[in-house]
Amino acid sequence: MSVQPVARPHLATVTTTLRHTVRLVHASTGARLRGLDARLEPAPAGWTLRVLPDVLVVSTRADAPVPATLPKVVVTLTDGALADVLVVPPVAGRPPRTMVIDLDAAEIEHVVHPVPMTLTVVLTTPSTGAPRTGATVTARATSGPNPRPSVALPEVAPGTYRSAAVEWTAAFTPLDVLVGGQPLRTLAVDVSTSTTTVHLVDTT
């Protein structure tokens, strides 16, 4: 009596191809945003979306039919504190803090701009620590065309100088604080809040 080998089930193989990577990037710092929830709309058969900490990965099966309409990525920022300092226009019919991104390239960087922010510089004199009044204080970009972009910080209280609320672009990351046209300190705006305040001794 002969024993026939047990037939083993055939395991089909499926080839998956990376189709798109999507990153949300902070316009001022260039940092990738984290805290994302995302999905494909519509979700074609054979298409998958993986949400990694700072990148979205879209893959397709080799046997997936070509959809009549390419899907979009619908991304919602789950970090409310982060979303509060970013410009995320409302999208009709979508939850707050949601963006709809077209899959129009293999690698996509979707730039998200910060809300307007103020910079406050509190100046004191080096010898007495008294407020340094009557100074001309300017924030100047460390990069960009010449003359470099600058933002005036008018005096709003004795020794306290504050800018208007503006978008601090990448050219101001970092920035130079000038007093009377002379560099005093290089610093960066805190993009996690709408107001940055620094205390400096005027040594110019």
C-alpha atoms as a PDB file:
ATOM      1  CA  MET A   1       0.000   0.000   0.000  1.00  0.00           C
ATOM      2  CA  SER A   2       1.460   3.292  -1.061  1.00  0.00           C
ATOM      3  CA  VAL A   3       0.921   6.586   0.729  1.00  0.00           C
ATOM      4  CA  GLN A   4       0.270   9.609  -1.441  1.00  0.00           C
ATOM      5  CA  PRO A   5       1.806  12.862  -0.324  1.00  0.00           C
ATOM      6  CA  VAL A   6      -0.610  15.304   1.194  1.00  0.00           C
ATOM      7  CA  ALA A   7      -1.518  18.010  -1.283  1.00  0.00           C
ATOM      8  CA  ARG A   8      -0.604  21.427   0.069  1.00  0.00           C
ATOM      9  CA  PRO A   9      -2.718  24.446  -0.798  1.00  0.00           C
ATOM     10  CA  HIS A  10      -1.241  26.752  -3.392  1.00  0.00           C
ATOM     11  CA  LEU A  11      -0.466  30.180  -1.996  1.00  0.00           C
ATOM     12  CA  ALA A  12      -1.094  32.876  -4.538  1.00  0.00           C
ATOM     13  CA  THR A  13       1.371  35.727  -4.668  1.00  0.00           C
ATOM     14  CA  VAL A  14       0.312  39.318  -5.085  1.00  0.00           C
ATOM     15  CA  THR A  15       2.630  42.081  -6.240  1.00  0.00           C
ATOM     16  CA  THR A  16       2.100  45.436  -4.595  1.00  0.00           C
ATOM     17  CA  THR A  17       3.564  48.637  -5.996  1.00  0.00           C
ATOM     18  CA  LEU A  18       4.262  51.880  -4.167  1.00  0.00           C
ATOM     19  CA  ARG A  19       2.283  54.512  -6.039  1.00  0.00           C
ATOM     20  CA  HIS A  20       2.347  57.705  -3.957  1.00  0.00           C
ATOM     21  CA  THR A  21       3.935  59.146  -0.836  1.00  0.00           C
ATOM     22  CA  VAL A  22       2.273  62.184   0.709  1.00  0.00           C
ATOM     23  CA  ARG A  23       3.911  64.432   3.296  1.00  0.00           C
ATOM     24  CA  LEU A  24       2.438  67.473   4.989  1.00  0.00           C
ATOM     25  CA  VAL A  25       5.169  70.064   5.497  1.00  0.00           C
ATOM     26  CA  HIS A  26       5.239  73.171   7.689  1.00  0.00           C
ATOM     27  CA  ALA A  27       5.851  76.167   5.422  1.00  0.00           C
ATOM     28  CA  SER A  28       8.115  77.999   7.898  1.00  0.00           C
ATOM     29  CA  THR A  29      10.226  75.206   9.358  1.00  0.00           C
ATOM     30  CA  GLY A  30      10.080  72.547   6.648  1.00  0.00           C
ATOM     31  CA  ALA A  31       9.234  69.978   9.330  1.00  0.00           C
ATOM     32  CA  ARG A  32       6.870  67.143   8.483  1.00  0.00           C
ATOM     33  CA  LEU A  33       3.563  67.298  10.314  1.00  0.00           C
ATOM     34  CA  ARG A  34       2.562  64.422  12.545  1.00  0.00           C
ATOM     35  CA  GLY A  35      -0.725  63.399  14.100  1.00  0.00           C
ATOM     36  CA  LEU A  36      -2.598  62.505  10.913  1.00  0.00           C
ATOM     37  CA  ASP A  37      -5.720  60.536  10.127  1.00  0.00           C
ATOM     38  CA  ALA A  38      -6.277  59.801   6.440  1.00  0.00           C
ATOM     39  CA  ARG A  39      -8.299  57.779   3.969  1.00  0.00           C
ATOM     40  CA  LEU A  40      -8.751  57.404   0.215  1.00  0.00           C
ATOM     41  CA  GLU A  41     -11.884  58.769  -1.427  1.00  0.00           C
ATOM     42  CA  PRO A  42     -13.068  56.951  -3.337  1.00  0.00           C
ATOM     43  CA  ALA A  43     -11.271  53.765  -2.285  1.00  0.00           C
ATOM     44  CA  PRO A  44     -10.706  51.752  -5.491  1.00  0.00           C
ATOM     45  CA  ALA A  45     -10.358  47.987  -5.304  1.00  0.00           C
ATOM     46  CA  GLY A  46      -6.732  47.002  -4.805  1.00  0.00           C
ATOM     47  CA  TRP A  47      -5.638  50.407  -3.461  1.00  0.00           C
ATOM     48  CA  THR A  48      -4.391  50.760   0.127  1.00  0.00           C
ATOM     49  CA  LEU A  49      -3.333  53.693   2.288  1.00  0.00           C
ATOM     50  CA  ARG A  50      -0.948  53.355   5.226  1.00  0.00           C
ATOM     51  CA  VAL A  51      -0.711  56.162   7.761  1.00  0.00           C
ATOM     52  CA  LEU A  52       2.803  56.376   9.184  1.00  0.00           C
ATOM     53  CA  PRO A  53       3.828  58.982  11.790  1.00  0.00           C
ATOM     54  CA  ASP A  54       4.866  61.637   9.255  1.00  0.00           C
ATOM     55  CA  VAL A  55       4.080  60.205   5.818  1.00  0.00           C
ATOM     56  CA  LEU A  56       1.127  58.679   3.993  1.00  0.00           C
ATOM     57  CA  VAL A  57       1.879  55.731   1.699  1.00  0.00           C
ATOM     58  CA  VAL A  58      -0.464  54.728  -1.129  1.00  0.00           C
ATOM     59  CA  SER A  59       0.074  51.313  -2.748  1.00  0.00           C
ATOM     60  CA  THR A  60      -1.754  49.350  -5.415  1.00  0.00           C
ATOM     61  CA  ARG A  61      -1.971  45.677  -6.303  1.00  0.00           C
ATOM     62  CA  ALA A  62      -0.602  44.750  -9.696  1.00  0.00           C
ATOM     63  CA  ASP A  63      -3.916  43.171 -10.638  1.00  0.00           C
ATOM     64  CA  ALA A  64      -5.982  46.182  -9.552  1.00  0.00           C
ATOM     65  CA  PRO A  65      -8.035  47.701 -12.369  1.00  0.00           C
ATOM     66  CA  VAL A  66      -7.334  51.287 -13.298  1.00  0.00           C
ATOM     67  CA  PRO A  67     -10.076  53.374 -11.683  1.00  0.00           C
ATOM     68  CA  ALA A  68     -12.122  55.713 -13.844  1.00  0.00           C
ATOM     69  CA  THR A  69     -11.421  58.494 -11.342  1.00  0.00           C
ATOM     70  CA  LEU A  70      -8.216  58.744  -9.350  1.00  0.00           C
ATOM     71  CA  PRO A  71      -8.843  58.858  -5.617  1.00  0.00           C
ATOM     72  CA  LYS A  72      -7.904  61.765  -3.367  1.00  0.00           C
ATOM     73  CA  VAL A  73      -6.385  61.622   0.072  1.00  0.00           C
ATOM     74  CA  VAL A  74      -8.563  63.119   2.789  1.00  0.00           C
ATOM     75  CA  VAL A  75      -6.348  64.084   5.741  1.00  0.00           C
ATOM     76  CA  THR A  76      -7.494  65.274   9.154  1.00  0.00           C
ATOM     77  CA  LEU A  77      -5.079  66.712  11.717  1.00  0.00           C
ATOM     78  CA  THR A  78      -5.731  64.905  14.982  1.00  0.00           C
ATOM     79  CA  ASP A  79      -3.529  67.215  17.065  1.00  0.00           C
ATOM     80  CA  GLY A  80      -5.846  70.105  17.886  1.00  0.00           C
ATOM     81  CA  ALA A  81      -3.085  72.243  19.411  1.00  0.00           C
ATOM     82  CA  LEU A  82      -1.053  71.919  16.215  1.00  0.00           C
ATOM     83  CA  ALA A  83      -4.058  72.646  14.022  1.00  0.00           C
ATOM     84  CA  ASP A  84      -4.755  75.853  15.969  1.00  0.00           C
ATOM     85  CA  VAL A  85      -1.480  77.389  14.734  1.00  0.00           C
ATOM     86  CA  LEU A  86      -1.894  76.294  11.110  1.00  0.00           C
ATOM     87  CA  VAL A  87      -4.044  77.685   8.322  1.00  0.00           C
ATOM     88  CA  VAL A  88      -6.480  74.892   7.459  1.00  0.00           C
ATOM     89  CA  PRO A  89      -9.428  76.394   5.557  1.00  0.00           C
ATOM     90  CA  PRO A  90     -12.734  74.618   6.191  1.00  0.00           C
ATOM     91  CA  VAL A  91     -13.856  72.150   3.555  1.00  0.00           C
ATOM     92  CA  ALA A  92     -17.598  71.893   3.012  1.00  0.00           C
ATOM     93  CA  GLY A  93     -19.010  68.653   4.344  1.00  0.00           C
ATOM     94  CA  ARG A  94     -15.751  67.692   6.078  1.00  0.00           C
ATOM     95  CA  PRO A  95     -14.729  67.660   9.733  1.00  0.00           C
ATOM     96  CA  PRO A  96     -12.673  70.607  10.999  1.00  0.00           C
ATOM     97  CA  ARG A  97      -8.897  70.513  10.338  1.00  0.00           C
ATOM     98  CA  THR A  98      -9.384  68.465   7.153  1.00  0.00           C
ATOM     99  CA  MET A  99      -7.533  68.791   3.847  1.00  0.00           C
ATOM    100  CA  VAL A 100      -8.242  67.086   0.514  1.00  0.00           C
ATOM    101  CA  ILE A 101      -5.098  66.357  -1.490  1.00  0.00           C
ATOM    102  CA  ASP A 102      -4.935  65.333  -5.143  1.00  0.00           C
ATOM    103  CA  LEU A 103      -2.751  62.344  -5.997  1.00  0.00           C
ATOM    104  CA  ASP A 104      -1.148  64.068  -8.974  1.00  0.00           C
ATOM    105  CA  ALA A 105       2.500  63.011  -8.471  1.00  0.00           C
ATOM    106  CA  ALA A 106       4.491  60.072  -7.137  1.00  0.00           C
ATOM    107  CA  GLU A 107       5.921  62.156  -4.296  1.00  0.00           C
ATOM    108  CA  ILE A 108       3.736  64.894  -2.901  1.00  0.00           C
ATOM    109  CA  GLU A 109       4.661  67.580  -0.379  1.00  0.00           C
ATOM    110  CA  HIS A 110       1.584  69.460   0.722  1.00  0.00           C
ATOM    111  CA  VAL A 111       2.715  72.734   2.294  1.00  0.00           C
ATOM    112  CA  VAL A 112       0.691  73.986   5.255  1.00  0.00           C
ATOM    113  CA  HIS A 113       1.144  77.609   6.309  1.00  0.00           C
ATOM    114  CA  PRO A 114       1.205  78.872   9.900  1.00  0.00           C
ATOM    115  CA  VAL A 115      -1.317  81.380  11.212  1.00  0.00           C
ATOM    116  CA  PRO A 116      -0.108  84.981  11.634  1.00  0.00           C
ATOM    117  CA  MET A 117       2.041  85.245  14.753  1.00  0.00           C
ATOM    118  CA  THR A 118       3.501  88.116  16.780  1.00  0.00           C
ATOM    119  CA  LEU A 119       7.049  88.505  18.061  1.00  0.00           C
ATOM    120  CA  THR A 120       7.598  90.532  21.236  1.00  0.00           C
ATOM    121  CA  VAL A 121      11.056  91.649  22.361  1.00  0.00           C
ATOM    122  CA  VAL A 122      11.464  93.031  25.893  1.00  0.00           C
ATOM    123  CA  LEU A 123      14.678  95.077  26.012  1.00  0.00           C
ATOM    124  CA  THR A 124      16.594  96.089  29.119  1.00  0.00           C
ATOM    125  CA  THR A 125      19.752  98.125  29.601  1.00  0.00           C
ATOM    126  CA  PRO A 126      22.897  96.166  30.535  1.00  0.00           C
ATOM    127  CA  SER A 127      23.903  98.215  33.564  1.00  0.00           C
ATOM    128  CA  THR A 128      20.672  98.884  35.424  1.00  0.00           C
ATOM    129  CA  GLY A 129      18.170  96.410  33.985  1.00  0.00           C
ATOM    130  CA  ALA A 130      15.825  99.303  33.307  1.00  0.00           C
ATOM    131  CA  PRO A 131      13.606  99.150  30.219  1.00  0.00           C
ATOM    132  CA  ARG A 132      15.477 100.175  27.075  1.00  0.00           C
ATOM    133  CA  THR A 133      13.129 102.737  25.599  1.00  0.00           C
ATOM    134  CA  GLY A 134      13.125 104.620  22.330  1.00  0.00           C
ATOM    135  CA  ALA A 135      14.968 101.974  20.310  1.00  0.00           C
ATOM    136  CA  THR A 136      14.356 100.980  16.711  1.00  0.00           C
ATOM    137  CA  VAL A 137      13.833  97.212  16.756  1.00  0.00           C
ATOM    138  CA  THR A 138      13.562  95.106  13.610  1.00  0.00           C
ATOM    139  CA  ALA A 139      13.322  91.387  12.846  1.00  0.00           C
ATOM    140  CA  ARG A 140      15.332  90.615   9.723  1.00  0.00           C
ATOM    141  CA  ALA A 141      15.321  87.384   7.727  1.00  0.00           C
ATOM    142  CA  THR A 142      18.579  85.431   7.673  1.00  0.00           C
ATOM    143  CA  SER A 143      18.009  84.374   4.071  1.00  0.00           C
ATOM    144  CA  GLY A 144      16.351  85.660   0.945  1.00  0.00           C
ATOM    145  CA  PRO A 145      17.009  88.483  -1.502  1.00  0.00           C
ATOM    146  CA  ASN A 146      18.941  91.624  -0.668  1.00  0.00           C
ATOM    147  CA  PRO A 147      17.776  93.689   1.023  1.00  0.00           C
ATOM    148  CA  ARG A 148      16.538  90.868   3.200  1.00  0.00           C
ATOM    149  CA  PRO A 149      12.887  90.904   4.259  1.00  0.00           C
ATOM    150  CA  SER A 150      12.269  92.572   7.606  1.00  0.00           C
ATOM    151  CA  VAL A 151       9.430  93.191  10.054  1.00  0.00           C
ATOM    152  CA  ALA A 152       9.294  96.269  12.293  1.00  0.00           C
ATOM    153  CA  LEU A 153       8.702  95.877  16.037  1.00  0.00           C
ATOM    154  CA  PRO A 154       7.319  99.207  17.260  1.00  0.00           C
ATOM    155  CA  GLU A 155       7.454 100.064  20.959  1.00  0.00           C
ATOM    156  CA  VAL A 156       4.099  99.247  22.587  1.00  0.00           C
ATOM    157  CA  ALA A 157       5.141  99.846  26.210  1.00  0.00           C
ATOM    158  CA  PRO A 158       8.369 101.131  27.810  1.00  0.00           C
ATOM    159  CA  GLY A 159      11.069  98.715  26.619  1.00  0.00           C
ATOM    160  CA  THR A 160       8.555  96.357  24.980  1.00  0.00           C
ATOM    161  CA  TYR A 161       8.569  96.008  21.203  1.00  0.00           C
ATOM    162  CA  ARG A 162       5.993  93.970  19.296  1.00  0.00           C
ATOM    163  CA  SER A 163       5.461  93.095  15.651  1.00  0.00           C
ATOM    164  CA  ALA A 164       2.175  92.941  13.869  1.00  0.00           C
ATOM    165  CA  ALA A 165       0.726  89.448  13.448  1.00  0.00           C
ATOM    166  CA  VAL A 166       2.392  88.115  10.292  1.00  0.00           C
ATOM    167  CA  GLU A 167       3.301  84.816   8.697  1.00  0.00           C
ATOM    168  CA  TRP A 168       6.943  84.160   9.567  1.00  0.00           C
ATOM    169  CA  THR A 169       8.124  82.521   6.377  1.00  0.00           C
ATOM    170  CA  ALA A 170      11.025  80.109   5.970  1.00  0.00           C
ATOM    171  CA  ALA A 171      13.324  83.094   5.347  1.00  0.00           C
ATOM    172  CA  PHE A 172      12.772  84.099   9.006  1.00  0.00           C
ATOM    173  CA  THR A 173      13.713  80.670  10.353  1.00  0.00           C
ATOM    174  CA  PRO A 174      15.851  81.757  12.095  1.00  0.00           C
ATOM    175  CA  LEU A 175      15.776  85.574  12.198  1.00  0.00           C
ATOM    176  CA  ASP A 176      18.078  88.338  13.413  1.00  0.00           C
ATOM    177  CA  VAL A 177      16.885  90.915  15.934  1.00  0.00           C
ATOM    178  CA  LEU A 178      18.356  94.309  15.102  1.00  0.00           C
ATOM    179  CA  VAL A 179      18.467  97.269  17.484  1.00  0.00           C
ATOM    180  CA  GLY A 180      19.245 100.536  15.790  1.00  0.00           C
ATOM    181  CA  GLY A 181      20.273  98.556  12.718  1.00  0.00           C
ATOM    182  CA  GLN A 182      22.843  96.513  14.666  1.00  0.00           C
ATOM    183  CA  PRO A 183      22.454  92.723  15.140  1.00  0.00           C
ATOM    184  CA  LEU A 184      21.680  91.790  18.746  1.00  0.00           C
ATOM    185  CA  ARG A 185      20.549  88.152  18.691  1.00  0.00           C
ATOM    186  CA  THR A 186      19.613  85.370  16.293  1.00  0.00           C
ATOM    187  CA  LEU A 187      16.480  83.499  17.340  1.00  0.00           C
ATOM    188  CA  ALA A 188      13.479  81.571  16.038  1.00  0.00           C
ATOM    189  CA  VAL A 189       9.772  82.213  16.393  1.00  0.00           C
ATOM    190  CA  ASP A 190       8.006  79.505  18.412  1.00  0.00           C
ATOM    191  CA  VAL A 191       5.640  78.060  15.799  1.00  0.00           C
ATOM    192  CA  SER A 192       3.721  76.097  18.441  1.00  0.00           C
ATOM    193  CA  THR A 193       2.081  79.286  19.723  1.00  0.00           C
ATOM    194  CA  SER A 194       0.698  82.462  18.168  1.00  0.00           C
ATOM    195  CA  THR A 195       2.879  84.722  20.338  1.00  0.00           C
ATOM    196  CA  THR A 196       6.622  84.527  20.970  1.00  0.00           C
ATOM    197  CA  THR A 197       8.136  86.702  23.698  1.00  0.00           C
ATOM    198  CA  VAL A 198      11.877  87.022  24.340  1.00  0.00           C
ATOM    199  CA  HIS A 199      13.764  89.066  26.950  1.00  0.00           C
ATOM    200  CA  LEU A 200      17.048  90.534  25.761  1.00  0.00           C
ATOM    201  CA  VAL A 201      19.708  92.854  27.154  1.00  0.00           C
ATOM    202  CA  ASP A 202      20.597  95.597  24.698  1.00  0.00           C
ATOM    203  CA  THR A 203      24.353  95.240  24.166  1.00  0.00           C
ATOM    204  CA  THR A 204      24.472  96.984  20.795  1.00  0.00           C
END
